[in-house]
PDB file of all heavy atoms in Angstrom:
ATOM      1  N   TYR A   1      -0.296 -28.810   8.341  1.00  0.00           N
ATOM      2  CA  TYR A   1      -1.489 -28.632   7.494  1.00  0.00           C
ATOM      3  C   TYR A   1      -1.251 -29.092   6.093  1.00  0.00           C
ATOM      4  O   TYR A   1      -0.139 -29.056   5.578  1.00  0.00           O
ATOM      5  CB  TYR A   1      -1.909 -27.164   7.463  1.00  0.00           C
ATOM      6  CG  TYR A   1      -2.268 -26.548   8.741  1.00  0.00           C
ATOM      7  CD1 TYR A   1      -1.264 -26.002   9.575  1.00  0.00           C
ATOM      8  CD2 TYR A   1      -3.558 -26.461   9.217  1.00  0.00           C
ATOM      9  CE1 TYR A   1      -1.545 -25.437  10.767  1.00  0.00           C
ATOM     10  CE2 TYR A   1      -3.890 -25.868  10.446  1.00  0.00           C
ATOM     11  CZ  TYR A   1      -2.855 -25.345  11.215  1.00  0.00           C
ATOM     12  OH  TYR A   1      -3.149 -24.810  12.425  1.00  0.00           O
ATOM     13  N   ASP A   2      -2.330 -29.525   5.404  1.00  0.00           N
ATOM     14  CA  ASP A   2      -2.306 -29.698   3.925  1.00  0.00           C
ATOM     15  C   ASP A   2      -2.272 -28.319   3.302  1.00  0.00           C
ATOM     16  O   ASP A   2      -3.275 -27.576   3.478  1.00  0.00           O
ATOM     17  CB  ASP A   2      -3.473 -30.523   3.458  1.00  0.00           C
ATOM     18  CG  ASP A   2      -3.384 -31.981   3.922  1.00  0.00           C
ATOM     19  OD1 ASP A   2      -2.241 -32.454   4.177  1.00  0.00           O
ATOM     20  OD2 ASP A   2      -4.414 -32.621   4.054  1.00  0.00           O
ATOM     21  N   THR A   3      -1.209 -27.979   2.680  1.00  0.00           N
ATOM     22  CA  THR A   3      -1.042 -26.642   2.144  1.00  0.00           C
ATOM     23  C   THR A   3      -0.842 -26.621   0.610  1.00  0.00           C
ATOM     24  O   THR A   3      -0.063 -27.392   0.075  1.00  0.00           O
ATOM     25  CB  THR A   3       0.246 -25.944   2.764  1.00  0.00           C
ATOM     26  OG1 THR A   3       0.059 -25.956   4.180  1.00  0.00           O
ATOM     27  CG2 THR A   3       0.376 -24.534   2.262  1.00  0.00           C
ATOM     28  N   THR A   4      -1.616 -25.773  -0.031  1.00  0.00           N
ATOM     29  CA  THR A   4      -1.550 -25.613  -1.490  1.00  0.00           C
ATOM     30  C   THR A   4      -0.911 -24.260  -1.790  1.00  0.00           C
ATOM     31  O   THR A   4      -1.309 -23.245  -1.217  1.00  0.00           O
ATOM     32  CB  THR A   4      -2.906 -25.705  -2.162  1.00  0.00           C
ATOM     33  OG1 THR A   4      -3.542 -26.893  -1.806  1.00  0.00           O
ATOM     34  CG2 THR A   4      -2.798 -25.641  -3.684  1.00  0.00           C
ATOM     35  N   VAL A   5       0.093 -24.219  -2.699  1.00  0.00           N
ATOM     36  CA  VAL A   5       0.757 -23.037  -3.073  1.00  0.00           C
ATOM     37  C   VAL A   5       0.507 -22.673  -4.554  1.00  0.00           C
ATOM     38  O   VAL A   5       0.747 -23.548  -5.394  1.00  0.00           O
ATOM     39  CB  VAL A   5       2.279 -23.123  -2.783  1.00  0.00           C
ATOM     40  CG1 VAL A   5       3.000 -21.776  -3.180  1.00  0.00           C
ATOM     41  CG2 VAL A   5       2.551 -23.433  -1.352  1.00  0.00           C
ATOM     42  N   HIS A   6       0.017 -21.481  -4.802  1.00  0.00           N
ATOM     43  CA  HIS A   6      -0.215 -21.033  -6.171  1.00  0.00           C
ATOM     44  C   HIS A   6       0.763 -19.863  -6.413  1.00  0.00           C
ATOM     45  O   HIS A   6       0.814 -18.940  -5.620  1.00  0.00           O
ATOM     46  CB  HIS A   6      -1.642 -20.485  -6.368  1.00  0.00           C
ATOM     47  CG  HIS A   6      -2.711 -21.511  -6.013  1.00  0.00           C
ATOM     48  ND1 HIS A   6      -3.124 -22.477  -6.823  1.00  0.00           N
ATOM     49  CD2 HIS A   6      -3.395 -21.580  -4.793  1.00  0.00           C
ATOM     50  CE1 HIS A   6      -4.108 -23.169  -6.171  1.00  0.00           C
ATOM     51  NE2 HIS A   6      -4.288 -22.659  -4.977  1.00  0.00           N
ATOM     52  N   PHE A   7       1.467 -19.916  -7.581  1.00  0.00           N
ATOM     53  CA  PHE A   7       2.342 -18.780  -7.969  1.00  0.00           C
ATOM     54  C   PHE A   7       1.557 -17.939  -8.974  1.00  0.00           C
ATOM     55  O   PHE A   7       1.180 -18.525  -9.990  1.00  0.00           O
ATOM     56  CB  PHE A   7       3.707 -19.316  -8.465  1.00  0.00           C
ATOM     57  CG  PHE A   7       4.538 -19.970  -7.425  1.00  0.00           C
ATOM     58  CD1 PHE A   7       4.608 -21.403  -7.363  1.00  0.00           C
ATOM     59  CD2 PHE A   7       5.124 -19.272  -6.462  1.00  0.00           C
ATOM     60  CE1 PHE A   7       5.301 -22.020  -6.413  1.00  0.00           C
ATOM     61  CE2 PHE A   7       5.875 -19.871  -5.426  1.00  0.00           C
ATOM     62  CZ  PHE A   7       5.960 -21.267  -5.414  1.00  0.00           C
ATOM     63  N   ILE A   8       1.455 -16.689  -8.691  1.00  0.00           N
ATOM     64  CA  ILE A   8       0.638 -15.806  -9.581  1.00  0.00           C
ATOM     65  C   ILE A   8       1.400 -14.475  -9.783  1.00  0.00           C
ATOM     66  O   ILE A   8       2.393 -14.255  -9.084  1.00  0.00           O
ATOM     67  CB  ILE A   8      -0.780 -15.510  -8.936  1.00  0.00           C
ATOM     68  CG1 ILE A   8      -0.651 -14.814  -7.593  1.00  0.00           C
ATOM     69  CG2 ILE A   8      -1.554 -16.814  -8.834  1.00  0.00           C
ATOM     70  CD1 ILE A   8      -1.967 -14.420  -7.003  1.00  0.00           C
ATOM     71  N   SER A   9       0.892 -13.637 -10.653  1.00  0.00           N
ATOM     72  CA  SER A   9       1.523 -12.392 -10.967  1.00  0.00           C
ATOM     73  C   SER A   9       1.100 -11.376  -9.900  1.00  0.00           C
ATOM     74  O   SER A   9       0.125 -11.523  -9.175  1.00  0.00           O
ATOM     75  CB  SER A   9       1.135 -11.907 -12.315  1.00  0.00           C
ATOM     76  OG  SER A   9      -0.280 -11.539 -12.337  1.00  0.00           O
ATOM     77  N   GLU A  10       1.885 -10.236  -9.817  1.00  0.00           N
ATOM     78  CA  GLU A  10       1.561  -9.215  -8.929  1.00  0.00           C
ATOM     79  C   GLU A  10       0.205  -8.593  -9.253  1.00  0.00           C
ATOM     80  O   GLU A  10      -0.557  -8.225  -8.368  1.00  0.00           O
ATOM     81  CB  GLU A  10       2.664  -8.109  -8.975  1.00  0.00           C
ATOM     82  CG  GLU A  10       2.636  -7.142  -7.832  1.00  0.00           C
ATOM     83  CD  GLU A  10       3.908  -6.319  -7.745  1.00  0.00           C
ATOM     84  OE1 GLU A  10       4.752  -6.379  -8.689  1.00  0.00           O
ATOM     85  OE2 GLU A  10       4.051  -5.597  -6.776  1.00  0.00           O
ATOM     86  N   GLU A  11      -0.064  -8.473 -10.559  1.00  0.00           N
ATOM     87  CA  GLU A  11      -1.367  -7.935 -11.005  1.00  0.00           C
ATOM     88  C   GLU A  11      -2.527  -8.817 -10.502  1.00  0.00           C
ATOM     89  O   GLU A  11      -3.571  -8.282 -10.063  1.00  0.00           O
ATOM     90  CB  GLU A  11      -1.418  -7.782 -12.526  1.00  0.00           C
ATOM     91  CG  GLU A  11      -0.466  -6.793 -13.137  1.00  0.00           C
ATOM     92  CD  GLU A  11       1.010  -7.175 -13.017  1.00  0.00           C
ATOM     93  OE1 GLU A  11       1.256  -8.415 -12.957  1.00  0.00           O
ATOM     94  OE2 GLU A  11       1.869  -6.293 -12.976  1.00  0.00           O
ATOM     95  N   GLU A  12      -2.387 -10.147 -10.611  1.00  0.00           N
ATOM     96  CA  GLU A  12      -3.443 -11.027 -10.164  1.00  0.00           C
ATOM     97  C   GLU A  12      -3.643 -10.959  -8.649  1.00  0.00           C
ATOM     98  O   GLU A  12      -4.789 -10.960  -8.159  1.00  0.00           O
ATOM     99  CB  GLU A  12      -3.055 -12.501 -10.495  1.00  0.00           C
ATOM    100  CG  GLU A  12      -3.180 -12.911 -11.978  1.00  0.00           C
ATOM    101  CD  GLU A  12      -2.687 -14.292 -12.225  1.00  0.00           C
ATOM    102  OE1 GLU A  12      -1.439 -14.463 -12.159  1.00  0.00           O
ATOM    103  OE2 GLU A  12      -3.548 -15.183 -12.436  1.00  0.00           O
ATOM    104  N   LEU A  13      -2.524 -10.790  -7.926  1.00  0.00           N
ATOM    105  CA  LEU A  13      -2.727 -10.670  -6.420  1.00  0.00           C
ATOM    106  C   LEU A  13      -3.469  -9.406  -6.095  1.00  0.00           C
ATOM    107  O   LEU A  13      -4.371  -9.432  -5.235  1.00  0.00           O
ATOM    108  CB  LEU A  13      -1.303 -10.648  -5.803  1.00  0.00           C
ATOM    109  CG  LEU A  13      -1.313 -10.757  -4.250  1.00  0.00           C
ATOM    110  CD1 LEU A  13      -1.592 -12.236  -3.850  1.00  0.00           C
ATOM    111  CD2 LEU A  13      -0.005 -10.309  -3.644  1.00  0.00           C
ATOM    112  N   LYS A  14      -3.155  -8.325  -6.717  1.00  0.00           N
ATOM    113  CA  LYS A  14      -3.841  -7.021  -6.458  1.00  0.00           C
ATOM    114  C   LYS A  14      -5.298  -7.102  -6.868  1.00  0.00           C
ATOM    115  O   LYS A  14      -6.201  -6.606  -6.180  1.00  0.00           O
ATOM    116  CB  LYS A  14      -3.137  -5.896  -7.158  1.00  0.00           C
ATOM    117  CG  LYS A  14      -1.782  -5.522  -6.512  1.00  0.00           C
ATOM    118  CD  LYS A  14      -1.097  -4.420  -7.294  1.00  0.00           C
ATOM    119  CE  LYS A  14       0.245  -4.027  -6.625  1.00  0.00           C
ATOM    120  NZ  LYS A  14       1.005  -3.059  -7.466  1.00  0.00           N
ATOM    121  N   ARG A  15      -5.549  -7.767  -8.038  1.00  0.00           N
ATOM    122  CA  ARG A  15      -6.919  -7.835  -8.560  1.00  0.00           C
ATOM    123  C   ARG A  15      -7.811  -8.785  -7.793  1.00  0.00           C
ATOM    124  O   ARG A  15      -8.938  -8.415  -7.450  1.00  0.00           O
ATOM    125  CB  ARG A  15      -6.856  -8.281 -10.032  1.00  0.00           C
ATOM    126  CG  ARG A  15      -8.183  -8.297 -10.744  1.00  0.00           C
ATOM    127  CD  ARG A  15      -8.105  -8.996 -12.082  1.00  0.00           C
ATOM    128  NE  ARG A  15      -7.856 -10.445 -11.897  1.00  0.00           N
ATOM    129  CZ  ARG A  15      -7.195 -11.203 -12.756  1.00  0.00           C
ATOM    130  NH1 ARG A  15      -6.600 -10.652 -13.802  1.00  0.00           N
ATOM    131  NH2 ARG A  15      -7.026 -12.464 -12.524  1.00  0.00           N
ATOM    132  N   ASP A  16      -7.280  -9.954  -7.400  1.00  0.00           N
ATOM    133  CA  ASP A  16      -8.119 -11.008  -6.851  1.00  0.00           C
ATOM    134  C   ASP A  16      -7.989 -11.198  -5.362  1.00  0.00           C
ATOM    135  O   ASP A  16      -8.820 -11.886  -4.732  1.00  0.00           O
ATOM    136  CB  ASP A  16      -7.820 -12.345  -7.516  1.00  0.00           C
ATOM    137  CG  ASP A  16      -8.022 -12.276  -9.046  1.00  0.00           C
ATOM    138  OD1 ASP A  16      -8.871 -11.492  -9.459  1.00  0.00           O
ATOM    139  OD2 ASP A  16      -7.326 -13.001  -9.737  1.00  0.00           O
ATOM    140  N   HIS A  17      -6.957 -10.605  -4.701  1.00  0.00           N
ATOM    141  CA  HIS A  17      -6.661 -10.870  -3.340  1.00  0.00           C
ATOM    142  C   HIS A  17      -6.353  -9.659  -2.504  1.00  0.00           C
ATOM    143  O   HIS A  17      -5.560  -9.646  -1.550  1.00  0.00           O
ATOM    144  CB  HIS A  17      -5.529 -11.891  -3.212  1.00  0.00           C
ATOM    145  CG  HIS A  17      -5.798 -13.188  -3.966  1.00  0.00           C
ATOM    146  ND1 HIS A  17      -6.586 -14.148  -3.536  1.00  0.00           N
ATOM    147  CD2 HIS A  17      -5.383 -13.566  -5.191  1.00  0.00           C
ATOM    148  CE1 HIS A  17      -6.633 -15.142  -4.413  1.00  0.00           C
ATOM    149  NE2 HIS A  17      -5.878 -14.798  -5.464  1.00  0.00           N
ATOM    150  N   SER A  18      -7.020  -8.495  -2.843  1.00  0.00           N
ATOM    151  CA  SER A  18      -6.706  -7.268  -2.118  1.00  0.00           C
ATOM    152  C   SER A  18      -7.479  -7.085  -0.835  1.00  0.00           C
ATOM    153  O   SER A  18      -7.112  -6.303  -0.004  1.00  0.00           O
ATOM    154  CB  SER A  18      -6.980  -6.057  -3.064  1.00  0.00           C
ATOM    155  OG  SER A  18      -8.389  -6.049  -3.400  1.00  0.00           O
ATOM    156  N   GLY A  19      -8.531  -7.849  -0.660  1.00  0.00           N
ATOM    157  CA  GLY A  19      -9.336  -7.708   0.539  1.00  0.00           C
ATOM    158  C   GLY A  19      -8.762  -8.454   1.723  1.00  0.00           C
ATOM    159  O   GLY A  19      -7.722  -9.192   1.643  1.00  0.00           O
ATOM    160  N   ILE A  20      -9.389  -8.271   2.911  1.00  0.00           N
ATOM    161  CA  ILE A  20      -8.958  -8.968   4.142  1.00  0.00           C
ATOM    162  C   ILE A  20     -10.181  -9.626   4.782  1.00  0.00           C
ATOM    163  O   ILE A  20     -10.561  -9.305   5.893  1.00  0.00           O
ATOM    164  CB  ILE A  20      -8.259  -7.991   5.093  1.00  0.00           C
ATOM    165  CG1 ILE A  20      -7.305  -7.078   4.419  1.00  0.00           C
ATOM    166  CG2 ILE A  20      -7.478  -8.789   6.192  1.00  0.00           C
ATOM    167  CD1 ILE A  20      -6.661  -6.023   5.298  1.00  0.00           C
ATOM    168  N   PRO A  21     -10.790 -10.535   4.029  1.00  0.00           N
ATOM    169  CA  PRO A  21     -11.992 -11.212   4.613  1.00  0.00           C
ATOM    170  C   PRO A  21     -11.569 -12.245   5.667  1.00  0.00           C
ATOM    171  O   PRO A  21     -10.401 -12.711   5.698  1.00  0.00           O
ATOM    172  CB  PRO A  21     -12.575 -11.919   3.397  1.00  0.00           C
ATOM    173  CG  PRO A  21     -11.403 -12.249   2.539  1.00  0.00           C
ATOM    174  CD  PRO A  21     -10.431 -11.083   2.722  1.00  0.00           C
ATOM    175  N   HIS A  22     -12.495 -12.602   6.558  1.00  0.00           N
ATOM    176  CA  HIS A  22     -12.272 -13.733   7.429  1.00  0.00           C
ATOM    177  C   HIS A  22     -13.579 -14.178   8.051  1.00  0.00           C
ATOM    178  O   HIS A  22     -14.635 -13.671   7.667  1.00  0.00           O
ATOM    179  CB  HIS A  22     -11.235 -13.334   8.529  1.00  0.00           C
ATOM    180  CG  HIS A  22     -10.262 -14.476   8.855  1.00  0.00           C
ATOM    181  ND1 HIS A  22     -10.652 -15.785   8.981  1.00  0.00           N
ATOM    182  CD2 HIS A  22      -8.939 -14.463   8.997  1.00  0.00           C
ATOM    183  CE1 HIS A  22      -9.612 -16.557   9.223  1.00  0.00           C
ATOM    184  NE2 HIS A  22      -8.560 -15.788   9.243  1.00  0.00           N
ATOM    185  N   GLY A  23     -13.510 -15.005   9.037  1.00  0.00           N
ATOM    186  CA  GLY A  23     -14.714 -15.490   9.711  1.00  0.00           C
ATOM    187  C   GLY A  23     -14.407 -16.854  10.376  1.00  0.00           C
ATOM    188  O   GLY A  23     -13.292 -17.263  10.549  1.00  0.00           O
ATOM    189  N   GLY A  24     -15.494 -17.550  10.665  1.00  0.00           N
ATOM    190  CA  GLY A  24     -15.329 -18.836  11.256  1.00  0.00           C
ATOM    191  C   GLY A  24     -16.500 -19.277  12.051  1.00  0.00           C
ATOM    192  O   GLY A  24     -17.569 -18.655  11.987  1.00  0.00           O
ATOM    193  N   PHE A  25     -16.324 -20.434  12.812  1.00  0.00           N
ATOM    194  CA  PHE A  25     -17.440 -21.010  13.521  1.00  0.00           C
ATOM    195  C   PHE A  25     -16.886 -21.509  14.911  1.00  0.00           C
ATOM    196  O   PHE A  25     -15.823 -22.024  15.011  1.00  0.00           O
ATOM    197  CB  PHE A  25     -17.886 -22.303  12.735  1.00  0.00           C
ATOM    198  CG  PHE A  25     -18.235 -22.018  11.310  1.00  0.00           C
ATOM    199  CD1 PHE A  25     -17.169 -22.039  10.352  1.00  0.00           C
ATOM    200  CD2 PHE A  25     -19.508 -21.786  10.869  1.00  0.00           C
ATOM    201  CE1 PHE A  25     -17.429 -21.847   9.007  1.00  0.00           C
ATOM    202  CE2 PHE A  25     -19.750 -21.539   9.553  1.00  0.00           C
ATOM    203  CZ  PHE A  25     -18.767 -21.557   8.608  1.00  0.00           C
TER     204      PHE A  25
END
């Protein structure tokens, strides 16, 4: 896959990525 990696702080991960969304078609 074409993969993009972002390095962020622990605070940012908790603030912006705490959910578990998903879906598809």
